[in-house]
Protein backbone atom coordinates (compact mmCIF):
# COMPACT_ATOMS: atom_id res chain seq x y z
CA MET A 1 103.21 96.23 134.07
CA SER A 2 102.88 97.85 130.63
CA ARG A 3 99.46 98.24 129.03
CA ILE A 4 99.12 97.66 125.27
CA PHE A 5 96.06 98.42 123.17
CA ILE A 6 95.56 96.39 119.98
CA ALA A 7 93.07 97.88 117.53
CA ASP A 8 92.30 95.85 114.40
CA SER A 9 89.10 94.56 112.82
CA ASP A 10 90.80 91.21 112.11
CA GLN A 11 89.72 89.30 115.23
CA LYS A 12 92.00 86.34 114.54
CA PHE A 13 95.03 88.63 114.41
CA VAL A 14 93.94 90.50 117.54
CA SER A 15 93.38 87.28 119.48
CA LEU A 16 96.74 85.79 118.48
CA SER A 17 98.61 89.03 119.19
CA SER A 18 96.87 89.48 122.52
CA SER A 19 97.69 85.93 123.61
CA TYR A 20 101.34 86.31 122.72
CA LEU A 21 101.70 89.67 124.47
CA THR A 22 99.83 88.49 127.56
CA LEU A 23 102.13 85.48 127.84
CA SER A 24 105.04 87.91 127.58
CA GLY A 25 103.79 89.76 130.66
CA TYR A 26 101.83 92.67 129.17
CA THR A 27 98.30 93.75 130.00
CA VAL A 28 96.39 93.88 126.71
CA SER A 29 93.11 95.50 125.72
CA GLU A 30 91.51 94.59 122.39
CA PHE A 31 89.50 96.84 120.07
CA SER A 32 87.78 95.78 116.85
CA ASP A 33 86.57 99.24 115.83
CA LEU A 34 87.66 102.85 116.13
CA SER A 35 84.62 104.00 118.09
CA SER A 36 85.34 101.75 121.08
CA LEU A 37 89.02 102.73 120.96
CA LYS A 38 88.07 106.43 120.92
CA ASP A 39 85.79 105.96 123.92
CA THR A 40 88.53 104.29 125.96
CA LEU A 41 91.19 106.83 124.98
CA ARG A 42 89.06 109.61 126.42
CA SER A 43 89.94 108.36 129.90
CA PHE A 44 93.07 106.23 129.56
CA PHE A 45 96.16 106.08 127.34
CA PRO A 46 98.19 102.87 127.04
CA ASP A 47 101.97 102.52 127.06
CA LEU A 48 101.78 101.35 123.42
CA LEU A 49 99.11 101.36 120.72
CA LEU A 50 99.10 98.86 117.85
CA ILE A 51 96.58 100.14 115.31
CA ALA A 52 95.45 98.81 111.94
CA ARG A 53 95.42 100.93 108.82
CA SER A 54 91.71 100.59 108.16
CA PHE A 55 88.48 99.78 109.99
CA PRO A 56 84.85 99.41 108.91
CA ASP A 57 84.06 102.60 110.85
CA GLY A 58 87.02 104.75 109.79
CA ASP A 59 90.61 105.23 108.75
CA GLY A 60 93.26 104.22 111.27
CA LEU A 61 95.79 106.66 109.84
CA MET A 62 93.49 109.66 110.16
CA PHE A 63 92.70 108.56 113.69
CA LEU A 64 96.45 108.33 114.32
CA LYS A 65 96.77 112.00 113.41
CA GLN A 66 94.10 112.91 115.99
CA ILE A 67 95.70 110.79 118.72
CA ARG A 68 99.17 112.17 118.07
CA ALA A 69 97.89 115.69 118.76
CA LYS A 70 96.81 114.60 122.26
CA ASN A 71 99.43 112.11 123.45
CA PRO A 72 103.03 111.18 122.63
CA MET A 73 102.57 107.44 123.38
CA PRO A 74 104.34 105.04 121.01
CA ILE A 75 102.13 103.99 118.09
CA ILE A 76 102.80 101.15 115.67
CA VAL A 77 100.66 100.95 112.52
CA ILE A 78 99.79 97.48 111.26
CA GLY A 79 99.36 97.52 107.50
CA GLN A 80 98.31 95.08 104.83
CA ASP A 81 100.35 96.27 101.88
CA GLY A 82 103.49 97.98 103.14
CA SER A 83 103.89 100.11 100.04
CA GLU A 84 106.40 102.91 100.32
CA SER A 85 103.74 105.60 99.97
CA GLU A 86 101.64 103.97 102.70
CA ARG A 87 104.58 103.84 105.09
CA ILE A 88 105.61 107.42 104.38
CA LEU A 89 102.06 108.64 105.03
CA ALA A 90 101.92 106.74 108.33
CA PHE A 91 105.21 108.24 109.49
CA GLU A 92 104.17 111.73 108.39
CA LEU A 93 101.00 111.36 110.47
CA GLY A 94 103.01 110.42 113.54
CA CYS A 95 103.49 106.68 113.87
CA ASP A 96 106.67 105.38 115.48
CA ASP A 97 106.87 102.24 113.36
CA TYR A 98 104.98 100.47 110.58
CA VAL A 99 104.76 96.69 110.32
CA VAL A 100 103.12 94.54 107.66
CA LYS A 101 100.97 91.47 108.25
CA PRO A 102 101.67 88.68 108.70
CA LEU A 103 103.84 89.43 111.72
CA SER A 104 106.40 87.16 113.27
CA PHE A 105 106.43 87.56 117.02
């Protein structure tokens, strides 16, 4: 079974996404801040990481750059604005895809 990490400070989004993915057969771990995600990634990498652009305790894109240096797992950035410059930056830092809220599962 594939393991997916969802990291976003928007708890409603995380809960909805987690429910949908769990019903689809995935094992999901939820993170509302970068510090708890960092702690977990020290010992375990998921099959896919969905990560928000920003958090109260840091920048998701800068964290993406750090993760990419350690592991080639697929990473999808979840953004709020979807501007071209935002997407380009995310791809330059190593994301595999960039999606904009609200999502349609």
